[in-house]
């Protein structure tokens, strides 16, 4: 009787061990297949050009356009998925700043503004020059909040934070939407 009990106990331990090994192997295989980007740029796209951002927002601050262009270029260079070139890339990203809107975010007692929200929208077209087709055209929008007490500098910093997030979203769209 002791032998049967011992064999059943040993069988149970071996079963648990095999199940644990199988789960570890499955986890390793699943993590090897998963990409945080969800895709990659096709092999025929080796280079990309990013056009200077055009400002059609009517907001009147040229620093936002310049900051957006510089941030996009810096973001794509640091990612290193494709090589950036000035002109004639295998792909082309053409961004247009379409909206910069300053809105009331919060009001404190006595109907005094406390914080404002700046909403930024950039429309972009991603063009595959090798296959001569538009891959996507979409609007990326983001916002940030700033204190009214530091309106000028706060507005600039909030717009820059929103533009950084938009640049990240554009990069993700370029490398994952194929």
Protein backbone atom coordinates (compact mmCIF):
# COMPACT_ATOMS: atom_id res chain seq x y z
CA UNK A 1 0.00 0.00 0.00
CA UNK A 2 2.89 2.33 0.75
CA UNK A 3 4.32 1.69 -2.73
CA UNK A 4 1.06 2.68 -4.43
CA UNK A 5 0.84 5.86 -2.36
CA UNK A 6 4.49 6.66 -3.11
CA UNK A 7 3.99 6.04 -6.87
CA UNK A 8 0.88 8.25 -6.93
CA UNK A 9 2.70 11.02 -5.05
CA UNK A 10 5.74 10.79 -7.38
CA UNK A 11 3.44 10.77 -10.42
CA UNK A 12 1.70 13.89 -9.13
CA UNK A 13 5.04 15.69 -8.63
CA UNK A 14 6.25 14.71 -12.12
CA UNK A 15 2.95 15.93 -13.61
CA UNK A 16 3.31 19.31 -11.85
CA UNK A 17 6.94 19.58 -12.97
CA UNK A 18 6.07 18.85 -16.61
CA UNK A 19 3.20 21.35 -16.49
CA UNK A 20 5.53 24.01 -15.06
CA UNK A 21 8.15 23.36 -17.75
CA UNK A 22 5.47 23.54 -20.46
CA UNK A 23 4.20 26.88 -19.11
CA UNK A 24 7.73 28.33 -19.03
CA UNK A 25 8.39 27.18 -22.61
CA UNK A 26 5.07 28.65 -23.73
CA UNK A 27 5.83 31.96 -22.01
CA UNK A 28 9.26 32.15 -23.64
CA UNK A 29 7.83 31.39 -27.08
CA UNK A 30 5.03 33.92 -26.65
CA UNK A 31 7.41 36.67 -25.56
CA UNK A 32 9.70 35.98 -28.51
CA UNK A 33 6.79 36.44 -30.93
CA UNK A 34 5.37 39.59 -29.38
CA UNK A 35 6.61 43.01 -30.37
CA UNK A 36 5.78 46.16 -28.44
CA UNK A 37 5.51 47.95 -31.77
CA UNK A 38 3.06 45.45 -33.19
CA UNK A 39 4.75 45.43 -36.58
CA UNK A 40 7.65 46.76 -38.53
CA UNK A 41 8.43 48.83 -41.57
CA UNK A 42 8.49 46.75 -44.79
CA UNK A 43 11.90 45.72 -46.12
CA UNK A 44 11.61 47.96 -49.18
CA UNK A 45 11.52 51.04 -46.90
CA UNK A 46 15.14 51.78 -45.98
CA UNK A 47 15.05 55.60 -45.91
CA UNK A 48 12.50 58.21 -44.99
CA UNK A 49 12.20 61.95 -45.31
CA UNK A 50 10.24 64.08 -42.86
CA UNK A 51 8.96 67.30 -44.39
CA UNK A 52 9.07 70.51 -42.36
CA UNK A 53 5.81 70.98 -40.51
CA UNK A 54 3.43 73.40 -42.20
CA UNK A 55 1.41 75.58 -39.80
CA UNK A 56 -2.24 76.04 -40.77
CA UNK A 57 -3.46 76.39 -37.20
CA UNK A 58 -3.86 80.16 -37.28
CA UNK A 59 -2.49 80.31 -33.73
CA UNK A 60 0.38 82.55 -34.76
CA UNK A 61 3.29 81.04 -32.83
CA UNK A 62 5.99 79.84 -35.27
CA UNK A 63 7.93 78.13 -32.48
CA UNK A 64 5.33 75.33 -32.33
CA UNK A 65 5.91 74.47 -36.00
CA UNK A 66 9.67 74.49 -35.54
CA UNK A 67 9.51 72.48 -32.33
CA UNK A 68 7.24 69.88 -33.95
CA UNK A 69 9.62 69.44 -36.92
CA UNK A 70 12.68 69.12 -34.68
CA UNK A 71 10.91 66.69 -32.33
CA UNK A 72 9.78 64.44 -35.18
CA UNK A 73 13.27 64.32 -36.69
CA UNK A 74 14.90 63.67 -33.32
CA UNK A 75 12.35 60.96 -32.45
CA UNK A 76 12.79 59.08 -35.75
CA UNK A 77 16.58 59.32 -35.53
CA UNK A 78 16.66 57.96 -32.00
CA UNK A 79 14.35 55.09 -32.94
CA UNK A 80 16.62 54.13 -35.86
CA UNK A 81 13.97 52.01 -37.62
CA UNK A 82 14.67 53.79 -40.91
CA UNK A 83 17.48 56.10 -42.01
CA UNK A 84 16.37 59.72 -42.27
CA UNK A 85 17.30 61.58 -45.44
CA UNK A 86 16.63 65.17 -46.50
CA UNK A 87 14.78 64.35 -49.74
CA UNK A 88 13.72 61.42 -51.91
CA UNK A 89 13.35 58.82 -49.16
CA UNK A 90 11.69 55.48 -49.78
CA UNK A 91 8.90 56.90 -47.63
CA UNK A 92 7.81 60.43 -46.78
CA UNK A 93 6.03 61.87 -43.74
CA UNK A 94 4.28 65.19 -44.38
CA UNK A 95 2.88 66.81 -41.20
CA UNK A 96 0.59 69.87 -41.01
CA UNK A 97 -0.16 71.64 -37.73
CA UNK A 98 -3.92 72.10 -38.09
CA UNK A 99 -5.03 73.26 -34.66
CA UNK A 100 -3.64 74.90 -31.56
CA UNK A 101 -6.48 75.80 -29.25
CA UNK A 102 -6.25 77.37 -25.81
CA UNK A 103 -9.23 76.51 -23.56
CA UNK A 104 -10.32 76.98 -19.96
CA UNK A 105 -9.51 73.81 -18.02
CA UNK A 106 -10.43 74.58 -14.39
CA UNK A 107 -12.06 77.45 -12.57
CA UNK A 108 -11.52 78.19 -8.88
CA UNK A 109 -13.99 79.82 -6.52
CA UNK A 110 -15.01 83.31 -7.56
CA UNK A 111 -15.09 82.31 -11.26
CA UNK A 112 -11.35 82.87 -11.68
CA UNK A 113 -9.46 80.74 -14.17
CA UNK A 114 -6.99 78.45 -12.50
CA UNK A 115 -5.71 76.28 -15.35
CA UNK A 116 -5.91 76.26 -19.11
CA UNK A 117 -5.69 73.41 -21.59
CA UNK A 118 -3.85 73.66 -24.88
CA UNK A 119 -5.07 71.24 -27.56
CA UNK A 120 -2.78 70.52 -30.52
CA UNK A 121 -3.66 68.62 -33.70
CA UNK A 122 -1.29 67.57 -36.47
CA UNK A 123 -2.54 66.01 -39.68
CA UNK A 124 0.03 63.76 -41.33
CA UNK A 125 0.31 61.82 -44.54
CA UNK A 126 2.60 58.81 -44.71
CA UNK A 127 3.55 58.02 -48.30
CA UNK A 128 5.35 54.94 -49.63
CA UNK A 129 7.41 56.36 -52.52
CA UNK A 130 8.60 52.93 -53.66
CA UNK A 131 5.06 51.64 -54.24
CA UNK A 132 3.75 55.15 -55.00
CA UNK A 133 0.84 54.99 -52.56
CA UNK A 134 -0.43 56.71 -49.45
CA UNK A 135 -0.12 54.29 -46.53
CA UNK A 136 -2.23 56.42 -44.23
CA UNK A 137 -3.44 59.97 -43.68
CA UNK A 138 -4.72 60.84 -40.24
CA UNK A 139 -4.94 63.50 -37.57
CA UNK A 140 -3.02 63.11 -34.31
CA UNK A 141 -4.32 65.14 -31.39
CA UNK A 142 -3.10 65.65 -27.86
CA UNK A 143 -3.34 68.22 -25.06
CA UNK A 144 -1.72 69.38 -21.87
CA UNK A 145 -2.72 71.67 -19.00
CA UNK A 146 -0.85 74.66 -17.60
CA UNK A 147 -1.36 77.13 -14.75
CA UNK A 148 -2.70 80.57 -15.62
CA UNK A 149 -0.23 82.13 -13.17
CA UNK A 150 2.58 81.33 -15.62
CA UNK A 151 0.61 81.73 -18.83
CA UNK A 152 3.29 82.46 -21.45
CA UNK A 153 5.91 79.90 -20.38
CA UNK A 154 3.28 77.42 -19.19
CA UNK A 155 1.48 77.53 -22.54
CA UNK A 156 4.72 76.91 -24.43
CA UNK A 157 5.72 73.99 -22.21
CA UNK A 158 2.24 72.44 -22.37
CA UNK A 159 2.21 72.69 -26.18
CA UNK A 160 5.66 71.10 -26.34
CA UNK A 161 4.57 68.19 -24.13
CA UNK A 162 1.53 67.63 -26.36
CA UNK A 163 3.72 67.81 -29.50
CA UNK A 164 6.18 65.26 -28.05
CA UNK A 165 3.32 62.83 -27.48
CA UNK A 166 2.07 63.44 -31.01
CA UNK A 167 5.57 62.71 -32.39
CA UNK A 168 5.61 59.44 -30.42
CA UNK A 169 2.17 58.53 -31.81
CA UNK A 170 3.33 59.27 -35.37
CA UNK A 171 6.42 57.11 -34.95
CA UNK A 172 4.30 54.27 -33.61
CA UNK A 173 1.88 54.63 -36.54
CA UNK A 174 4.75 54.53 -39.05
CA UNK A 175 6.38 51.41 -37.63
CA UNK A 176 3.22 49.46 -36.80
CA UNK A 177 0.51 50.22 -39.39
CA UNK A 178 1.65 48.00 -42.24
